[in-house]
Amino acid sequence: MVVITFLSLVSGISVETERLVDLPIDKLVHLTFYAVAVTLGAMAWKEKHEPFTITSRFLILLAFLASLYGTVIEVFQYCFTADRTAEWEDVLANSVGAIFGAFFTLWSKDKIWTLKTRSK
């Protein structure tokens, strides 16, 4: 989340707005960052609080918190930066990414994560 905060609020950092399949690349960057943040957040929480079972309820909460964080960052961009702008499309991309990360984590937790457990 530190990386997301830094890249979102520091002046002079921007992603080209080329379009890929009628979707600006910067929106794909938002989506990817928040999907990865939710997945890594779930993995870190599970590792720190062993034994912990990742449930859909936990992932819904994590996705909600990531989406809320993304919304707050957009408000900060609007209020506290001179050359950054807030966009509702960014909030949407952040939220979709967080939800995608939750679904990916739910799908992968028994397929990928168990490989690490078995190798211990």
N, C-alpha and C. Protein backbone atom coordinates (compact mmCIF):
# COMPACT_ATOMS: atom_id res chain seq x y z
N MET A 1 0.82 -1.19 0.00
CA MET A 1 0.00 0.00 0.00
C MET A 1 0.87 1.26 0.00
N VAL A 2 2.07 1.14 0.53
CA VAL A 2 3.00 2.28 0.50
C VAL A 2 3.31 2.66 -0.94
N VAL A 3 3.54 1.67 -1.78
CA VAL A 3 3.84 1.92 -3.19
C VAL A 3 2.66 2.60 -3.87
N ILE A 4 1.46 2.11 -3.61
CA ILE A 4 0.25 2.71 -4.19
C ILE A 4 0.12 4.16 -3.75
N THR A 5 0.32 4.41 -2.46
CA THR A 5 0.22 5.78 -1.94
C THR A 5 1.25 6.69 -2.60
N PHE A 6 2.48 6.23 -2.66
CA PHE A 6 3.55 7.03 -3.26
C PHE A 6 3.23 7.35 -4.72
N LEU A 7 2.90 6.33 -5.50
CA LEU A 7 2.65 6.54 -6.92
C LEU A 7 1.40 7.39 -7.17
N SER A 8 0.46 7.34 -6.24
CA SER A 8 -0.78 8.10 -6.41
C SER A 8 -0.65 9.57 -6.03
N LEU A 9 0.24 9.88 -5.11
CA LEU A 9 0.28 11.25 -4.58
C LEU A 9 1.51 12.06 -4.97
N VAL A 10 2.57 11.42 -5.42
CA VAL A 10 3.78 12.16 -5.78
C VAL A 10 3.59 12.82 -7.14
N SER A 11 3.98 14.05 -7.23
CA SER A 11 3.86 14.80 -8.48
C SER A 11 4.84 14.28 -9.52
N GLY A 12 4.44 14.39 -10.76
CA GLY A 12 5.33 14.06 -11.86
C GLY A 12 5.34 12.61 -12.28
N ILE A 13 4.62 11.74 -11.57
CA ILE A 13 4.54 10.34 -11.96
C ILE A 13 3.20 10.12 -12.63
N SER A 14 3.25 9.65 -13.86
CA SER A 14 1.99 9.38 -14.55
C SER A 14 2.18 8.21 -15.49
N VAL A 15 1.08 7.60 -15.83
CA VAL A 15 1.08 6.49 -16.77
C VAL A 15 0.45 7.00 -18.05
N GLU A 16 1.05 6.65 -19.16
CA GLU A 16 0.50 7.07 -20.44
C GLU A 16 -0.96 6.62 -20.55
N THR A 17 -1.77 7.43 -21.20
CA THR A 17 -3.18 7.10 -21.32
C THR A 17 -3.51 6.47 -22.66
N GLU A 18 -2.56 5.72 -23.21
CA GLU A 18 -2.84 4.95 -24.41
C GLU A 18 -4.02 4.03 -24.11
N ARG A 19 -4.71 3.64 -25.16
CA ARG A 19 -5.85 2.76 -24.95
C ARG A 19 -5.51 1.34 -25.39
N LEU A 20 -5.97 0.41 -24.60
CA LEU A 20 -5.82 -1.00 -24.90
C LEU A 20 -7.21 -1.60 -24.84
N VAL A 21 -7.72 -2.01 -25.97
CA VAL A 21 -9.07 -2.57 -26.07
C VAL A 21 -10.08 -1.60 -25.46
N ASP A 22 -10.03 -0.37 -25.90
CA ASP A 22 -10.94 0.69 -25.47
C ASP A 22 -10.92 0.92 -23.95
N LEU A 23 -9.80 0.62 -23.31
CA LEU A 23 -9.64 0.86 -21.89
C LEU A 23 -8.28 1.52 -21.68
N PRO A 24 -8.25 2.71 -21.08
CA PRO A 24 -6.96 3.37 -20.87
C PRO A 24 -6.02 2.50 -20.03
N ILE A 25 -4.76 2.48 -20.39
CA ILE A 25 -3.79 1.65 -19.70
C ILE A 25 -3.68 2.03 -18.22
N ASP A 26 -3.85 3.32 -17.90
CA ASP A 26 -3.74 3.70 -16.49
C ASP A 26 -4.82 3.04 -15.64
N LYS A 27 -5.97 2.76 -16.22
CA LYS A 27 -7.03 2.06 -15.47
C LYS A 27 -6.64 0.61 -15.23
N LEU A 28 -5.95 0.00 -16.21
CA LEU A 28 -5.45 -1.36 -16.01
C LEU A 28 -4.38 -1.40 -14.92
N VAL A 29 -3.59 -0.33 -14.84
CA VAL A 29 -2.58 -0.23 -13.78
C VAL A 29 -3.28 -0.17 -12.42
N HIS A 30 -4.31 0.68 -12.30
CA HIS A 30 -5.08 0.76 -11.05
C HIS A 30 -5.64 -0.61 -10.69
N LEU A 31 -6.29 -1.25 -11.65
CA LEU A 31 -6.90 -2.55 -11.43
C LEU A 31 -5.85 -3.56 -10.95
N THR A 32 -4.72 -3.60 -11.62
CA THR A 32 -3.66 -4.55 -11.27
C THR A 32 -3.10 -4.29 -9.87
N PHE A 33 -2.81 -3.03 -9.56
CA PHE A 33 -2.26 -2.70 -8.24
C PHE A 33 -3.19 -3.16 -7.12
N TYR A 34 -4.48 -2.91 -7.26
CA TYR A 34 -5.41 -3.25 -6.19
C TYR A 34 -5.69 -4.75 -6.14
N ALA A 35 -5.67 -5.43 -7.26
CA ALA A 35 -5.80 -6.90 -7.26
C ALA A 35 -4.62 -7.53 -6.54
N VAL A 36 -3.43 -7.06 -6.86
CA VAL A 36 -2.22 -7.58 -6.21
C VAL A 36 -2.22 -7.23 -4.72
N ALA A 37 -2.65 -6.03 -4.38
CA ALA A 37 -2.67 -5.61 -2.97
C ALA A 37 -3.58 -6.51 -2.14
N VAL A 38 -4.76 -6.84 -2.66
CA VAL A 38 -5.67 -7.71 -1.92
C VAL A 38 -5.09 -9.12 -1.79
N THR A 39 -4.53 -9.63 -2.87
CA THR A 39 -3.95 -10.98 -2.83
C THR A 39 -2.78 -11.04 -1.85
N LEU A 40 -1.87 -10.08 -1.95
CA LEU A 40 -0.72 -10.07 -1.03
C LEU A 40 -1.15 -9.81 0.41
N GLY A 41 -2.16 -8.97 0.58
CA GLY A 41 -2.68 -8.71 1.92
C GLY A 41 -3.25 -9.97 2.56
N ALA A 42 -3.99 -10.74 1.79
CA ALA A 42 -4.54 -11.99 2.30
C ALA A 42 -3.44 -12.99 2.63
N MET A 43 -2.44 -13.08 1.75
CA MET A 43 -1.32 -14.00 2.00
C MET A 43 -0.55 -13.59 3.26
N ALA A 44 -0.30 -12.31 3.41
CA ALA A 44 0.45 -11.82 4.57
C ALA A 44 -0.33 -12.07 5.86
N TRP A 45 -1.63 -11.81 5.82
CA TRP A 45 -2.46 -12.01 7.01
C TRP A 45 -2.46 -13.49 7.40
N LYS A 46 -2.61 -14.35 6.42
CA LYS A 46 -2.61 -15.79 6.69
C LYS A 46 -1.28 -16.24 7.27
N GLU A 47 -0.19 -15.74 6.72
CA GLU A 47 1.15 -16.11 7.20
C GLU A 47 1.37 -15.64 8.64
N LYS A 48 0.92 -14.43 8.95
CA LYS A 48 1.16 -13.85 10.27
C LYS A 48 0.25 -14.47 11.34
N HIS A 49 -0.95 -14.85 10.95
CA HIS A 49 -1.95 -15.34 11.92
C HIS A 49 -2.24 -16.82 11.72
N GLU A 50 -1.21 -17.61 11.53
CA GLU A 50 -1.34 -19.06 11.35
C GLU A 50 -1.88 -19.67 12.63
N PRO A 51 -2.77 -20.60 12.71
CA PRO A 51 -3.55 -21.10 11.58
C PRO A 51 -4.73 -20.17 11.33
N PHE A 52 -4.89 -19.78 10.12
CA PHE A 52 -5.98 -18.89 9.72
C PHE A 52 -6.52 -19.38 8.40
N THR A 53 -7.81 -19.50 8.31
CA THR A 53 -8.44 -19.93 7.06
C THR A 53 -8.98 -18.70 6.35
N ILE A 54 -8.59 -18.54 5.11
CA ILE A 54 -9.10 -17.42 4.32
C ILE A 54 -10.51 -17.76 3.87
N THR A 55 -11.45 -16.93 4.29
CA THR A 55 -12.85 -17.14 3.95
C THR A 55 -13.32 -16.06 2.99
N SER A 56 -14.46 -16.30 2.38
CA SER A 56 -15.01 -15.29 1.48
C SER A 56 -15.39 -14.03 2.26
N ARG A 57 -15.83 -14.19 3.49
CA ARG A 57 -16.17 -13.02 4.33
C ARG A 57 -14.94 -12.15 4.58
N PHE A 58 -13.81 -12.80 4.88
CA PHE A 58 -12.55 -12.08 5.07
C PHE A 58 -12.15 -11.34 3.80
N LEU A 59 -12.29 -12.00 2.65
CA LEU A 59 -11.89 -11.38 1.38
C LEU A 59 -12.82 -10.23 0.99
N ILE A 60 -14.10 -10.35 1.32
CA ILE A 60 -15.03 -9.24 1.06
C ILE A 60 -14.60 -8.03 1.89
N LEU A 61 -14.26 -8.26 3.15
CA LEU A 61 -13.79 -7.17 4.01
C LEU A 61 -12.51 -6.56 3.47
N LEU A 62 -11.57 -7.40 3.06
CA LEU A 62 -10.30 -6.92 2.53
C LEU A 62 -10.51 -6.12 1.24
N ALA A 63 -11.38 -6.59 0.35
CA ALA A 63 -11.67 -5.87 -0.89
C ALA A 63 -12.36 -4.54 -0.59
N PHE A 64 -13.26 -4.53 0.38
CA PHE A 64 -13.93 -3.29 0.78
C PHE A 64 -12.93 -2.28 1.32
N LEU A 65 -12.03 -2.74 2.19
CA LEU A 65 -11.03 -1.84 2.76
C LEU A 65 -10.08 -1.30 1.69
N ALA A 66 -9.68 -2.14 0.75
CA ALA A 66 -8.82 -1.69 -0.34
C ALA A 66 -9.55 -0.67 -1.21
N SER A 67 -10.83 -0.91 -1.49
CA SER A 67 -11.62 0.03 -2.28
C SER A 67 -11.78 1.36 -1.55
N LEU A 68 -12.03 1.29 -0.26
CA LEU A 68 -12.15 2.50 0.56
C LEU A 68 -10.83 3.27 0.55
N TYR A 69 -9.73 2.56 0.67
CA TYR A 69 -8.40 3.17 0.63
C TYR A 69 -8.20 3.88 -0.71
N GLY A 70 -8.57 3.23 -1.81
CA GLY A 70 -8.44 3.83 -3.13
C GLY A 70 -9.28 5.09 -3.28
N THR A 71 -10.46 5.07 -2.67
CA THR A 71 -11.33 6.25 -2.71
C THR A 71 -10.71 7.40 -1.93
N VAL A 72 -10.16 7.11 -0.76
CA VAL A 72 -9.50 8.13 0.05
C VAL A 72 -8.30 8.72 -0.70
N ILE A 73 -7.54 7.88 -1.37
CA ILE A 73 -6.39 8.36 -2.15
C ILE A 73 -6.87 9.32 -3.25
N GLU A 74 -7.97 9.00 -3.90
CA GLU A 74 -8.50 9.89 -4.94
C GLU A 74 -8.93 11.23 -4.34
N VAL A 75 -9.54 11.21 -3.17
CA VAL A 75 -9.92 12.45 -2.49
C VAL A 75 -8.67 13.25 -2.14
N PHE A 76 -7.63 12.57 -1.66
CA PHE A 76 -6.37 13.26 -1.36
C PHE A 76 -5.77 13.88 -2.61
N GLN A 77 -5.84 13.17 -3.73
CA GLN A 77 -5.33 13.74 -4.98
C GLN A 77 -6.07 15.03 -5.32
N TYR A 78 -7.36 15.03 -5.12
CA TYR A 78 -8.17 16.21 -5.42
C TYR A 78 -7.84 17.37 -4.47
N CYS A 79 -7.69 17.06 -3.18
CA CYS A 79 -7.54 18.11 -2.17
C CYS A 79 -6.10 18.59 -1.96
N PHE A 80 -5.14 17.71 -2.10
CA PHE A 80 -3.79 18.03 -1.62
C PHE A 80 -2.70 18.03 -2.68
N THR A 81 -3.01 17.80 -3.93
CA THR A 81 -1.97 17.83 -4.96
C THR A 81 -2.30 18.89 -6.00
N ALA A 82 -1.26 19.47 -6.56
CA ALA A 82 -1.47 20.54 -7.54
C ALA A 82 -1.64 19.99 -8.95
N ASP A 83 -0.93 18.92 -9.28
CA ASP A 83 -0.96 18.45 -10.66
C ASP A 83 -1.57 17.06 -10.82
N ARG A 84 -2.27 16.58 -9.80
CA ARG A 84 -2.97 15.30 -9.90
C ARG A 84 -4.46 15.59 -9.84
N THR A 85 -5.25 14.75 -10.48
CA THR A 85 -6.70 14.93 -10.44
C THR A 85 -7.36 13.65 -9.94
N ALA A 86 -8.50 13.82 -9.34
CA ALA A 86 -9.30 12.67 -8.90
C ALA A 86 -10.25 12.30 -10.02
N GLU A 87 -10.41 11.00 -10.25
CA GLU A 87 -11.33 10.52 -11.28
C GLU A 87 -12.17 9.39 -10.71
N TRP A 88 -13.47 9.45 -10.95
CA TRP A 88 -14.32 8.36 -10.48
C TRP A 88 -13.97 7.07 -11.21
N GLU A 89 -13.43 7.17 -12.43
CA GLU A 89 -13.02 5.97 -13.17
C GLU A 89 -11.88 5.26 -12.44
N ASP A 90 -11.01 6.03 -11.78
CA ASP A 90 -9.93 5.43 -10.99
C ASP A 90 -10.50 4.68 -9.79
N VAL A 91 -11.49 5.28 -9.14
CA VAL A 91 -12.14 4.62 -8.00
C VAL A 91 -12.77 3.31 -8.47
N LEU A 92 -13.43 3.35 -9.62
CA LEU A 92 -14.05 2.14 -10.17
C LEU A 92 -12.99 1.09 -10.49
N ALA A 93 -11.90 1.50 -11.13
CA ALA A 93 -10.83 0.55 -11.47
C ALA A 93 -10.20 -0.03 -10.20
N ASN A 94 -10.01 0.79 -9.19
CA ASN A 94 -9.47 0.30 -7.91
C ASN A 94 -10.39 -0.75 -7.30
N SER A 95 -11.68 -0.46 -7.30
CA SER A 95 -12.65 -1.37 -6.70
C SER A 95 -12.77 -2.67 -7.48
N VAL A 96 -12.80 -2.57 -8.79
CA VAL A 96 -12.86 -3.79 -9.62
C VAL A 96 -11.60 -4.62 -9.41
N GLY A 97 -10.45 -3.96 -9.32
CA GLY A 97 -9.21 -4.67 -9.06
C GLY A 97 -9.23 -5.38 -7.71
N ALA A 98 -9.73 -4.70 -6.69
CA ALA A 98 -9.81 -5.30 -5.35
C ALA A 98 -10.73 -6.52 -5.37
N ILE A 99 -11.85 -6.41 -6.06
CA ILE A 99 -12.78 -7.54 -6.17
C ILE A 99 -12.15 -8.68 -6.95
N PHE A 100 -11.47 -8.35 -8.04
CA PHE A 100 -10.78 -9.37 -8.82
C PHE A 100 -9.72 -10.07 -7.96
N GLY A 101 -8.98 -9.29 -7.18
CA GLY A 101 -7.98 -9.87 -6.28
C GLY A 101 -8.60 -10.81 -5.27
N ALA A 102 -9.78 -10.45 -4.75
CA ALA A 102 -10.48 -11.32 -3.80
C ALA A 102 -10.90 -12.63 -4.47
N PHE A 103 -11.45 -12.53 -5.68
CA PHE A 103 -11.84 -13.75 -6.41
C PHE A 103 -10.62 -14.60 -6.74
N PHE A 104 -9.54 -13.97 -7.18
CA PHE A 104 -8.33 -14.72 -7.50
C PHE A 104 -7.79 -15.43 -6.25
N THR A 105 -7.79 -14.72 -5.13
CA THR A 105 -7.31 -15.31 -3.88
C THR A 105 -8.18 -16.49 -3.47
N LEU A 106 -9.49 -16.33 -3.57
CA LEU A 106 -10.40 -17.41 -3.22
C LEU A 106 -10.17 -18.62 -4.12
N TRP A 107 -9.97 -18.37 -5.40
CA TRP A 107 -9.73 -19.45 -6.36
C TRP A 107 -8.38 -20.12 -6.12
N SER A 108 -7.36 -19.33 -5.82
CA SER A 108 -6.00 -19.86 -5.77
C SER A 108 -5.57 -20.40 -4.42
N LYS A 109 -6.31 -20.08 -3.37
CA LYS A 109 -5.83 -20.43 -2.02
C LYS A 109 -5.66 -21.92 -1.82
N ASP A 110 -6.47 -22.74 -2.45
CA ASP A 110 -6.33 -24.19 -2.30
C ASP A 110 -5.48 -24.81 -3.40
N LYS A 111 -5.26 -24.09 -4.48
CA LYS A 111 -4.50 -24.61 -5.61
C LYS A 111 -3.02 -24.26 -5.54
N ILE A 112 -2.72 -23.01 -5.26
CA ILE A 112 -1.35 -22.52 -5.30
C ILE A 112 -0.72 -22.50 -3.92
N TRP A 113 -1.45 -22.00 -2.94
CA TRP A 113 -0.87 -21.79 -1.62
C TRP A 113 -0.54 -23.09 -0.91
N THR A 114 -1.28 -24.17 -1.22
CA THR A 114 -1.02 -25.44 -0.55
C THR A 114 0.32 -26.03 -0.97
N LEU A 115 0.86 -25.64 -2.11
CA LEU A 115 2.16 -26.13 -2.55
C LEU A 115 3.24 -25.72 -1.55
N LYS A 116 3.16 -24.51 -1.04
CA LYS A 116 4.13 -24.03 -0.05
C LYS A 116 4.00 -24.82 1.24
N THR A 117 2.79 -25.08 1.67
CA THR A 117 2.55 -25.80 2.91
C THR A 117 3.09 -27.23 2.82
N ARG A 118 2.89 -27.88 1.70
CA ARG A 118 3.34 -29.26 1.53
C ARG A 118 4.86 -29.36 1.52
N SER A 119 5.53 -28.33 1.07
CA SER A 119 6.98 -28.40 0.95
C SER A 119 7.71 -28.14 2.27
N LYS A 120 7.00 -27.75 3.31
CA LYS A 120 7.64 -27.47 4.62
C LYS A 120 8.08 -28.76 5.29
